[in-house]
PDB file of all heavy atoms in Angstrom:
ATOM      1  N   PRO A   1     -64.695  32.294 122.770  1.00  0.00           N
ATOM      2  CA  PRO A   1     -64.964  33.411 121.866  1.00  0.00           C
ATOM      3  C   PRO A   1     -63.819  33.552 120.820  1.00  0.00           C
ATOM      4  O   PRO A   1     -62.695  33.308 121.142  1.00  0.00           O
ATOM      5  CB  PRO A   1     -64.889  34.626 122.814  1.00  0.00           C
ATOM      6  CG  PRO A   1     -64.186  34.174 123.980  1.00  0.00           C
ATOM      7  CD  PRO A   1     -64.292  32.671 124.120  1.00  0.00           C
ATOM      8  N   ILE A   2     -64.139  33.853 119.564  1.00  0.00           N
ATOM      9  CA  ILE A   2     -63.165  34.068 118.574  1.00  0.00           C
ATOM     10  C   ILE A   2     -62.857  35.522 118.342  1.00  0.00           C
ATOM     11  O   ILE A   2     -61.683  35.949 118.338  1.00  0.00           O
ATOM     12  CB  ILE A   2     -63.681  33.400 117.215  1.00  0.00           C
ATOM     13  CG1 ILE A   2     -63.847  31.920 117.429  1.00  0.00           C
ATOM     14  CG2 ILE A   2     -62.684  33.637 116.053  1.00  0.00           C
ATOM     15  CD1 ILE A   2     -64.414  31.165 116.216  1.00  0.00           C
ATOM     16  N   ARG A   3     -63.920  36.301 118.031  1.00  0.00           N
ATOM     17  CA  ARG A   3     -63.759  37.767 118.032  1.00  0.00           C
ATOM     18  C   ARG A   3     -65.168  38.428 118.141  1.00  0.00           C
ATOM     19  O   ARG A   3     -66.175  37.750 118.224  1.00  0.00           O
ATOM     20  CB  ARG A   3     -63.201  38.118 116.597  1.00  0.00           C
ATOM     21  CG  ARG A   3     -64.110  37.768 115.488  1.00  0.00           C
ATOM     22  CD  ARG A   3     -63.416  38.157 114.122  1.00  0.00           C
ATOM     23  NE  ARG A   3     -64.255  37.894 113.027  1.00  0.00           N
ATOM     24  CZ  ARG A   3     -65.156  38.958 112.492  1.00  0.00           C
ATOM     25  NH1 ARG A   3     -65.203  39.983 113.137  1.00  0.00           N
ATOM     26  NH2 ARG A   3     -65.874  38.652 111.442  1.00  0.00           N
ATOM     27  N   TRP A   4     -65.153  39.719 118.182  1.00  0.00           N
ATOM     28  CA  TRP A   4     -66.440  40.471 118.225  1.00  0.00           C
ATOM     29  C   TRP A   4     -67.052  40.602 116.877  1.00  0.00           C
ATOM     30  O   TRP A   4     -66.430  41.025 115.956  1.00  0.00           O
ATOM     31  CB  TRP A   4     -66.132  41.814 118.852  1.00  0.00           C
ATOM     32  CG  TRP A   4     -65.905  41.819 120.311  1.00  0.00           C
ATOM     33  CD1 TRP A   4     -64.616  41.827 120.899  1.00  0.00           C
ATOM     34  CD2 TRP A   4     -66.815  41.698 121.379  1.00  0.00           C
ATOM     35  NE1 TRP A   4     -64.669  41.728 122.233  1.00  0.00           N
ATOM     36  CE2 TRP A   4     -66.142  41.792 122.613  1.00  0.00           C
ATOM     37  CE3 TRP A   4     -68.209  41.821 121.428  1.00  0.00           C
ATOM     38  CZ2 TRP A   4     -66.617  41.662 123.853  1.00  0.00           C
ATOM     39  CZ3 TRP A   4     -68.827  41.839 122.713  1.00  0.00           C
ATOM     40  CH2 TRP A   4     -68.052  41.631 123.847  1.00  0.00           C
ATOM     41  N   TRP A   5     -68.254  40.146 116.774  1.00  0.00           N
ATOM     42  CA  TRP A   5     -68.970  40.202 115.513  1.00  0.00           C
ATOM     43  C   TRP A   5     -69.635  41.600 115.372  1.00  0.00           C
ATOM     44  O   TRP A   5     -69.736  42.163 114.205  1.00  0.00           O
ATOM     45  CB  TRP A   5     -70.185  39.183 115.547  1.00  0.00           C
ATOM     46  CG  TRP A   5     -70.838  38.954 114.185  1.00  0.00           C
ATOM     47  CD1 TRP A   5     -72.108  39.314 113.944  1.00  0.00           C
ATOM     48  CD2 TRP A   5     -70.346  38.242 113.052  1.00  0.00           C
ATOM     49  NE1 TRP A   5     -72.365  38.906 112.666  1.00  0.00           N
ATOM     50  CE2 TRP A   5     -71.298  38.261 111.998  1.00  0.00           C
ATOM     51  CE3 TRP A   5     -69.106  37.579 112.788  1.00  0.00           C
ATOM     52  CZ2 TRP A   5     -71.226  37.666 110.843  1.00  0.00           C
ATOM     53  CZ3 TRP A   5     -68.990  36.992 111.537  1.00  0.00           C
ATOM     54  CH2 TRP A   5     -70.015  37.032 110.658  1.00  0.00           C
ATOM     55  N   SER A   6     -70.035  42.168 116.433  1.00  0.00           N
ATOM     56  CA  SER A   6     -70.494  43.584 116.493  1.00  0.00           C
ATOM     57  C   SER A   6     -70.109  44.008 117.996  1.00  0.00           C
ATOM     58  O   SER A   6     -69.532  43.318 118.731  1.00  0.00           O
ATOM     59  CB  SER A   6     -71.985  43.654 116.264  1.00  0.00           C
ATOM     60  OG  SER A   6     -72.760  43.108 117.407  1.00  0.00           O
ATOM     61  N   SER A   7     -70.510  45.188 118.290  1.00  0.00           N
ATOM     62  CA  SER A   7     -70.221  45.733 119.535  1.00  0.00           C
ATOM     63  C   SER A   7     -70.903  45.044 120.771  1.00  0.00           C
ATOM     64  O   SER A   7     -70.445  45.256 121.934  1.00  0.00           O
ATOM     65  CB  SER A   7     -70.487  47.249 119.718  1.00  0.00           C
ATOM     66  OG  SER A   7     -71.965  47.442 119.491  1.00  0.00           O
ATOM     67  N   ALA A   8     -71.987  44.282 120.460  1.00  0.00           N
ATOM     68  CA  ALA A   8     -72.663  43.542 121.543  1.00  0.00           C
ATOM     69  C   ALA A   8     -72.805  42.059 121.284  1.00  0.00           C
ATOM     70  O   ALA A   8     -73.535  41.350 121.980  1.00  0.00           O
ATOM     71  CB  ALA A   8     -74.073  44.173 121.587  1.00  0.00           C
ATOM     72  N   VAL A   9     -72.162  41.547 120.189  1.00  0.00           N
ATOM     73  CA  VAL A   9     -72.400  40.060 119.827  1.00  0.00           C
ATOM     74  C   VAL A   9     -70.889  39.583 119.612  1.00  0.00           C
ATOM     75  O   VAL A   9     -70.114  40.155 118.969  1.00  0.00           O
ATOM     76  CB  VAL A   9     -73.202  39.942 118.507  1.00  0.00           C
ATOM     77  CG1 VAL A   9     -73.308  38.573 118.083  1.00  0.00           C
ATOM     78  CG2 VAL A   9     -74.565  40.523 118.711  1.00  0.00           C
ATOM     79  N   VAL A  10     -70.797  38.379 120.249  1.00  0.00           N
ATOM     80  CA  VAL A  10     -69.472  37.704 120.088  1.00  0.00           C
ATOM     81  C   VAL A  10     -69.671  36.434 119.114  1.00  0.00           C
ATOM     82  O   VAL A  10     -70.622  35.778 119.176  1.00  0.00           O
ATOM     83  CB  VAL A  10     -69.001  37.044 121.456  1.00  0.00           C
ATOM     84  CG1 VAL A  10     -67.932  36.185 121.425  1.00  0.00           C
ATOM     85  CG2 VAL A  10     -68.705  38.264 122.392  1.00  0.00           C
ATOM     86  N   LEU A  11     -68.674  36.214 118.200  1.00  0.00           N
ATOM     87  CA  LEU A  11     -68.491  35.106 117.416  1.00  0.00           C
ATOM     88  C   LEU A  11     -67.838  34.010 118.257  1.00  0.00           C
ATOM     89  O   LEU A  11     -66.719  34.239 118.731  1.00  0.00           O
ATOM     90  CB  LEU A  11     -67.829  35.364 116.064  1.00  0.00           C
ATOM     91  CG  LEU A  11     -67.423  34.148 115.246  1.00  0.00           C
ATOM     92  CD1 LEU A  11     -68.833  33.544 114.654  1.00  0.00           C
ATOM     93  CD2 LEU A  11     -66.435  34.537 114.122  1.00  0.00           C
ATOM     94  N   ALA A  12     -68.482  32.942 118.487  1.00  0.00           N
ATOM     95  CA  ALA A  12     -67.928  31.856 119.333  1.00  0.00           C
ATOM     96  C   ALA A  12     -67.888  30.482 118.632  1.00  0.00           C
ATOM     97  O   ALA A  12     -68.800  30.176 117.855  1.00  0.00           O
ATOM     98  CB  ALA A  12     -68.692  31.682 120.625  1.00  0.00           C
ATOM     99  N   SER A  13     -66.868  29.706 118.986  1.00  0.00           N
ATOM    100  CA  SER A  13     -66.854  28.386 118.520  1.00  0.00           C
ATOM    101  C   SER A  13     -67.292  27.420 119.698  1.00  0.00           C
ATOM    102  O   SER A  13     -66.616  27.477 120.746  1.00  0.00           O
ATOM    103  CB  SER A  13     -65.415  28.030 118.010  1.00  0.00           C
ATOM    104  OG  SER A  13     -65.305  26.631 117.623  1.00  0.00           O
ATOM    105  N   CYS A  14     -68.299  26.579 119.496  1.00  0.00           N
ATOM    106  CA  CYS A  14     -68.829  25.748 120.539  1.00  0.00           C
ATOM    107  C   CYS A  14     -68.855  24.296 120.100  1.00  0.00           C
ATOM    108  O   CYS A  14     -68.937  23.975 118.900  1.00  0.00           O
ATOM    109  CB  CYS A  14     -70.251  26.152 120.946  1.00  0.00           C
ATOM    110  SG  CYS A  14     -70.285  27.898 121.491  1.00  0.00           S
ATOM    111  N   THR A  15     -68.734  23.389 121.151  1.00  0.00           N
ATOM    112  CA  THR A  15     -69.015  22.000 120.825  1.00  0.00           C
ATOM    113  C   THR A  15     -70.260  21.627 120.195  1.00  0.00           C
ATOM    114  O   THR A  15     -71.250  22.284 120.558  1.00  0.00           O
ATOM    115  CB  THR A  15     -68.837  21.203 122.116  1.00  0.00           C
ATOM    116  OG1 THR A  15     -67.496  21.410 122.659  1.00  0.00           O
ATOM    117  CG2 THR A  15     -69.121  19.692 121.909  1.00  0.00           C
ATOM    118  N   ALA A  16     -70.193  20.851 119.097  1.00  0.00           N
ATOM    119  CA  ALA A  16     -71.526  20.415 118.445  1.00  0.00           C
ATOM    120  C   ALA A  16     -71.927  19.153 119.250  1.00  0.00           C
ATOM    121  O   ALA A  16     -71.324  18.091 119.043  1.00  0.00           O
ATOM    122  CB  ALA A  16     -71.274  20.130 117.026  1.00  0.00           C
ATOM    123  N   GLU A  17     -73.015  19.214 119.963  1.00  0.00           N
ATOM    124  CA  GLU A  17     -73.411  18.149 120.868  1.00  0.00           C
ATOM    125  C   GLU A  17     -73.625  16.856 120.281  1.00  0.00           C
ATOM    126  O   GLU A  17     -73.216  15.723 120.769  1.00  0.00           O
ATOM    127  CB  GLU A  17     -74.787  18.644 121.688  1.00  0.00           C
ATOM    128  CG  GLU A  17     -75.006  17.730 122.838  1.00  0.00           C
ATOM    129  CD  GLU A  17     -76.053  18.369 123.733  1.00  0.00           C
ATOM    130  OE1 GLU A  17     -77.033  18.777 123.121  1.00  0.00           O
ATOM    131  OE2 GLU A  17     -75.827  18.361 124.886  1.00  0.00           O
ATOM    132  N   ALA A  18     -74.254  16.831 119.138  1.00  0.00           N
ATOM    133  CA  ALA A  18     -74.711  15.651 118.468  1.00  0.00           C
ATOM    134  C   ALA A  18     -73.619  14.956 117.556  1.00  0.00           C
ATOM    135  O   ALA A  18     -73.732  13.948 117.169  1.00  0.00           O
ATOM    136  CB  ALA A  18     -75.961  15.804 117.605  1.00  0.00           C
ATOM    137  N   GLN A  19     -72.460  15.791 117.488  1.00  0.00           N
ATOM    138  CA  GLN A  19     -71.479  15.230 116.585  1.00  0.00           C
ATOM    139  C   GLN A  19     -70.060  15.211 117.450  1.00  0.00           C
ATOM    140  O   GLN A  19     -69.412  16.392 117.347  1.00  0.00           O
ATOM    141  CB  GLN A  19     -71.282  16.039 115.264  1.00  0.00           C
ATOM    142  CG  GLN A  19     -72.612  15.897 114.473  1.00  0.00           C
ATOM    143  CD  GLN A  19     -72.413  16.695 113.201  1.00  0.00           C
ATOM    144  OE1 GLN A  19     -71.361  16.508 112.521  1.00  0.00           O
ATOM    145  NE2 GLN A  19     -73.457  17.310 112.705  1.00  0.00           N
ATOM    146  N   PRO A  20     -69.664  14.168 118.037  1.00  0.00           N
ATOM    147  CA  PRO A  20     -68.466  14.238 118.775  1.00  0.00           C
ATOM    148  C   PRO A  20     -67.372  14.637 117.970  1.00  0.00           C
ATOM    149  O   PRO A  20     -67.065  14.205 116.876  1.00  0.00           O
ATOM    150  CB  PRO A  20     -68.273  12.760 119.203  1.00  0.00           C
ATOM    151  CG  PRO A  20     -69.668  12.245 119.238  1.00  0.00           C
ATOM    152  CD  PRO A  20     -70.329  12.880 118.033  1.00  0.00           C
ATOM    153  N   GLY A  21     -66.539  15.615 118.596  1.00  0.00           N
ATOM    154  CA  GLY A  21     -65.300  16.057 117.918  1.00  0.00           C
ATOM    155  C   GLY A  21     -65.510  17.164 117.015  1.00  0.00           C
ATOM    156  O   GLY A  21     -64.639  17.930 116.510  1.00  0.00           O
ATOM    157  N   ALA A  22     -66.857  17.601 116.675  1.00  0.00           N
ATOM    158  CA  ALA A  22     -67.111  18.645 115.821  1.00  0.00           C
ATOM    159  C   ALA A  22     -67.442  19.891 116.635  1.00  0.00           C
ATOM    160  O   ALA A  22     -67.715  19.836 117.714  1.00  0.00           O
ATOM    161  CB  ALA A  22     -68.356  18.227 114.928  1.00  0.00           C
ATOM    162  N   THR A  23     -67.384  21.114 115.882  1.00  0.00           N
ATOM    163  CA  THR A  23     -67.796  22.342 116.511  1.00  0.00           C
ATOM    164  C   THR A  23     -68.641  23.099 115.602  1.00  0.00           C
ATOM    165  O   THR A  23     -68.891  22.720 114.461  1.00  0.00           O
ATOM    166  CB  THR A  23     -66.512  23.137 116.783  1.00  0.00           C
ATOM    167  OG1 THR A  23     -65.774  23.472 115.402  1.00  0.00           O
ATOM    168  CG2 THR A  23     -65.508  22.481 117.675  1.00  0.00           C
ATOM    169  N   ARG A  24     -69.217  24.093 116.189  1.00  0.00           N
ATOM    170  CA  ARG A  24     -70.211  24.991 115.422  1.00  0.00           C
ATOM    171  C   ARG A  24     -69.975  26.441 115.813  1.00  0.00           C
ATOM    172  O   ARG A  24     -69.751  26.786 116.981  1.00  0.00           O
ATOM    173  CB  ARG A  24     -71.577  24.537 115.763  1.00  0.00           C
ATOM    174  CG  ARG A  24     -72.755  25.203 114.914  1.00  0.00           C
ATOM    175  CD  ARG A  24     -74.024  24.594 115.313  1.00  0.00           C
ATOM    176  NE  ARG A  24     -75.109  24.989 114.289  1.00  0.00           N
ATOM    177  CZ  ARG A  24     -76.364  24.580 114.375  1.00  0.00           C
ATOM    178  NH1 ARG A  24     -76.805  23.895 115.398  1.00  0.00           N
ATOM    179  NH2 ARG A  24     -77.236  25.003 113.455  1.00  0.00           N
ATOM    180  N   LEU A  25     -70.092  27.398 114.762  1.00  0.00           N
ATOM    181  CA  LEU A  25     -69.968  28.795 115.161  1.00  0.00           C
ATOM    182  C   LEU A  25     -71.268  29.370 115.461  1.00  0.00           C
ATOM    183  O   LEU A  25     -72.332  29.075 114.812  1.00  0.00           O
ATOM    184  CB  LEU A  25     -69.413  29.544 113.900  1.00  0.00           C
ATOM    185  CG  LEU A  25     -67.979  29.045 113.490  1.00  0.00           C
ATOM    186  CD1 LEU A  25     -67.503  30.074 112.287  1.00  0.00           C
ATOM    187  CD2 LEU A  25     -66.946  29.144 114.677  1.00  0.00           C
ATOM    188  N   TRP A  26     -71.331  30.157 116.528  1.00  0.00           N
ATOM    189  CA  TRP A  26     -72.562  30.838 117.119  1.00  0.00           C
ATOM    190  C   TRP A  26     -72.339  32.275 117.143  1.00  0.00           C
ATOM    191  O   TRP A  26     -71.175  32.820 117.438  1.00  0.00           O
ATOM    192  CB  TRP A  26     -72.916  30.287 118.394  1.00  0.00           C
ATOM    193  CG  TRP A  26     -73.440  28.848 118.489  1.00  0.00           C
ATOM    194  CD1 TRP A  26     -72.742  27.682 118.319  1.00  0.00           C
ATOM    195  CD2 TRP A  26     -74.823  28.413 118.586  1.00  0.00           C
ATOM    196  NE1 TRP A  26     -73.519  26.636 118.426  1.00  0.00           N
ATOM    197  CE2 TRP A  26     -74.811  27.093 118.541  1.00  0.00           C
ATOM    198  CE3 TRP A  26     -75.985  29.155 118.726  1.00  0.00           C
ATOM    199  CZ2 TRP A  26     -75.919  26.351 118.652  1.00  0.00           C
ATOM    200  CZ3 TRP A  26     -77.177  28.449 118.912  1.00  0.00           C
ATOM    201  CH2 TRP A  26     -77.197  27.035 118.908  1.00  0.00           C
TER     202      TRP A  26
END
């Protein structure tokens, strides 16, 4: 988790499965 996007949603950085070494924000 990076920070709270809202009171019920988290901004997170996750591994990008199809691209080794890359990440994606969710």
